[in-house]
Amino acid sequence: MGVPKKRTSKMRRDRRRAHWKVARVAVATCPKCREPVEPHCACKACGNYNGRQVLETA
């Protein structure tokens, strides 16, 4: 197994990890009720998806 010969400095370690950030959650708006929804998911407020009623809402 490979063993590091020298200790990795904090700067080198942090520079390598600079792109590990979490991506933002994509948000779209429902065309019927204008609520924010995830793309390709049914709206939790009105139950519509792709122009059709797919969820029963109260």
N, C-alpha and C. Protein backbone atom coordinates (compact mmCIF):
# COMPACT_ATOMS: atom_id res chain seq x y z
N MET A 1 0.84 -1.19 0.00
CA MET A 1 0.00 0.00 0.00
C MET A 1 0.88 1.24 0.00
N GLY A 2 0.49 2.24 -0.76
CA GLY A 2 1.28 3.47 -0.82
C GLY A 2 1.18 4.27 0.47
N VAL A 3 2.32 4.73 0.94
CA VAL A 3 2.38 5.53 2.16
C VAL A 3 3.01 6.87 1.80
N PRO A 4 2.40 8.01 2.20
CA PRO A 4 2.99 9.29 1.86
C PRO A 4 4.34 9.49 2.54
N LYS A 5 5.30 10.01 1.77
CA LYS A 5 6.64 10.22 2.31
C LYS A 5 6.72 11.51 3.11
N LYS A 6 5.95 12.53 2.69
CA LYS A 6 5.95 13.82 3.37
C LYS A 6 4.53 14.19 3.78
N ARG A 7 4.41 14.98 4.82
CA ARG A 7 3.11 15.43 5.28
C ARG A 7 2.55 16.46 4.30
N THR A 8 1.27 16.33 3.96
CA THR A 8 0.61 17.29 3.07
C THR A 8 0.26 18.54 3.87
N SER A 9 0.66 19.69 3.35
CA SER A 9 0.39 20.94 4.05
C SER A 9 -1.10 21.27 4.01
N LYS A 10 -1.53 22.11 4.93
CA LYS A 10 -2.94 22.52 4.99
C LYS A 10 -3.35 23.26 3.72
N MET A 11 -2.44 24.08 3.20
CA MET A 11 -2.75 24.84 2.00
C MET A 11 -2.95 23.91 0.80
N ARG A 12 -2.10 22.94 0.65
CA ARG A 12 -2.21 22.00 -0.47
C ARG A 12 -3.47 21.16 -0.34
N ARG A 13 -3.77 20.71 0.86
CA ARG A 13 -4.97 19.91 1.12
C ARG A 13 -6.23 20.73 0.82
N ASP A 14 -6.27 21.97 1.31
CA ASP A 14 -7.45 22.81 1.12
C ASP A 14 -7.62 23.24 -0.33
N ARG A 15 -6.52 23.44 -1.04
CA ARG A 15 -6.61 23.78 -2.45
C ARG A 15 -7.19 22.62 -3.25
N ARG A 16 -6.84 21.41 -2.88
CA ARG A 16 -7.37 20.23 -3.56
C ARG A 16 -8.87 20.08 -3.30
N ARG A 17 -9.31 20.45 -2.11
CA ARG A 17 -10.72 20.31 -1.73
C ARG A 17 -11.57 21.53 -2.07
N ALA A 18 -11.04 22.46 -2.81
CA ALA A 18 -11.74 23.72 -3.08
C ALA A 18 -13.01 23.52 -3.89
N HIS A 19 -13.12 22.43 -4.65
CA HIS A 19 -14.28 22.21 -5.51
C HIS A 19 -15.26 21.22 -4.92
N TRP A 20 -15.18 20.94 -3.63
CA TRP A 20 -16.07 19.97 -2.98
C TRP A 20 -17.37 20.59 -2.53
N LYS A 21 -17.62 21.83 -2.88
CA LYS A 21 -18.80 22.52 -2.36
C LYS A 21 -20.09 21.86 -2.85
N VAL A 22 -21.13 22.03 -2.10
CA VAL A 22 -22.43 21.43 -2.40
C VAL A 22 -23.12 22.29 -3.46
N ALA A 23 -23.71 21.63 -4.45
CA ALA A 23 -24.41 22.35 -5.51
C ALA A 23 -25.76 22.84 -5.00
N ARG A 24 -26.22 23.95 -5.52
CA ARG A 24 -27.52 24.48 -5.14
C ARG A 24 -28.64 23.59 -5.66
N VAL A 25 -29.73 23.57 -4.93
CA VAL A 25 -30.89 22.79 -5.33
C VAL A 25 -31.62 23.58 -6.42
N ALA A 26 -31.91 22.91 -7.54
CA ALA A 26 -32.61 23.57 -8.63
C ALA A 26 -34.07 23.79 -8.25
N VAL A 27 -34.60 24.95 -8.57
CA VAL A 27 -35.99 25.28 -8.24
C VAL A 27 -36.66 25.87 -9.48
N ALA A 28 -37.83 25.36 -9.79
CA ALA A 28 -38.64 25.89 -10.88
C ALA A 28 -39.95 26.41 -10.27
N THR A 29 -40.79 27.00 -11.07
CA THR A 29 -42.09 27.46 -10.58
C THR A 29 -43.19 26.67 -11.26
N CYS A 30 -44.21 26.35 -10.50
CA CYS A 30 -45.36 25.63 -11.03
C CYS A 30 -46.12 26.58 -11.96
N PRO A 31 -46.44 26.15 -13.18
CA PRO A 31 -47.14 27.05 -14.11
C PRO A 31 -48.57 27.34 -13.70
N LYS A 32 -49.17 26.49 -12.86
CA LYS A 32 -50.56 26.69 -12.46
C LYS A 32 -50.69 27.58 -11.23
N CYS A 33 -49.95 27.25 -10.15
CA CYS A 33 -50.12 27.99 -8.90
C CYS A 33 -48.92 28.88 -8.54
N ARG A 34 -47.88 28.87 -9.36
CA ARG A 34 -46.69 29.70 -9.18
C ARG A 34 -45.91 29.41 -7.90
N GLU A 35 -46.08 28.22 -7.33
CA GLU A 35 -45.31 27.81 -6.15
C GLU A 35 -43.95 27.28 -6.60
N PRO A 36 -42.91 27.44 -5.79
CA PRO A 36 -41.62 26.85 -6.16
C PRO A 36 -41.66 25.33 -6.02
N VAL A 37 -41.18 24.63 -7.05
CA VAL A 37 -41.16 23.16 -7.07
C VAL A 37 -39.82 22.70 -7.63
N GLU A 38 -39.45 21.46 -7.33
CA GLU A 38 -38.27 20.85 -7.93
C GLU A 38 -38.59 20.50 -9.37
N PRO A 39 -37.64 20.62 -10.28
CA PRO A 39 -37.89 20.24 -11.67
C PRO A 39 -38.19 18.75 -11.79
N HIS A 40 -39.05 18.40 -12.69
CA HIS A 40 -39.44 17.01 -12.98
C HIS A 40 -40.12 16.35 -11.79
N CYS A 41 -40.78 17.12 -10.94
CA CYS A 41 -41.52 16.59 -9.78
C CYS A 41 -42.90 17.24 -9.77
N ALA A 42 -43.86 16.51 -9.23
CA ALA A 42 -45.21 17.05 -9.12
C ALA A 42 -45.24 18.16 -8.07
N CYS A 43 -46.09 19.14 -8.28
CA CYS A 43 -46.24 20.25 -7.34
C CYS A 43 -46.96 19.74 -6.10
N LYS A 44 -46.40 20.02 -4.93
CA LYS A 44 -47.02 19.57 -3.68
C LYS A 44 -48.20 20.45 -3.28
N ALA A 45 -48.27 21.66 -3.83
CA ALA A 45 -49.36 22.57 -3.47
C ALA A 45 -50.64 22.27 -4.24
N CYS A 46 -50.51 22.08 -5.58
CA CYS A 46 -51.72 21.87 -6.39
C CYS A 46 -51.81 20.47 -6.99
N GLY A 47 -50.71 19.70 -6.99
CA GLY A 47 -50.74 18.33 -7.47
C GLY A 47 -50.63 18.17 -8.97
N ASN A 48 -50.23 19.22 -9.68
CA ASN A 48 -50.09 19.13 -11.13
C ASN A 48 -48.68 18.76 -11.54
N TYR A 49 -48.59 18.02 -12.66
CA TYR A 49 -47.30 17.74 -13.27
C TYR A 49 -47.51 17.62 -14.76
N ASN A 50 -46.74 18.36 -15.51
CA ASN A 50 -46.79 18.33 -16.98
C ASN A 50 -48.20 18.62 -17.50
N GLY A 51 -48.90 19.56 -16.85
CA GLY A 51 -50.22 19.97 -17.30
C GLY A 51 -51.35 19.05 -16.90
N ARG A 52 -51.09 18.05 -16.06
CA ARG A 52 -52.13 17.10 -15.63
C ARG A 52 -52.19 17.04 -14.11
N GLN A 53 -53.35 16.71 -13.59
CA GLN A 53 -53.53 16.51 -12.15
C GLN A 53 -53.07 15.08 -11.81
N VAL A 54 -51.98 14.96 -11.06
CA VAL A 54 -51.44 13.63 -10.75
C VAL A 54 -51.49 13.31 -9.25
N LEU A 55 -51.62 14.33 -8.41
CA LEU A 55 -51.73 14.11 -6.96
C LEU A 55 -53.05 14.66 -6.46
N GLU A 56 -53.63 13.97 -5.51
CA GLU A 56 -54.86 14.44 -4.87
C GLU A 56 -54.48 15.43 -3.76
N THR A 57 -55.03 16.62 -3.80
CA THR A 57 -54.75 17.63 -2.78
C THR A 57 -56.03 17.96 -2.03
N ALA A 58 -55.85 18.38 -0.80
CA ALA A 58 -57.02 18.66 0.05
C ALA A 58 -57.60 20.02 -0.21
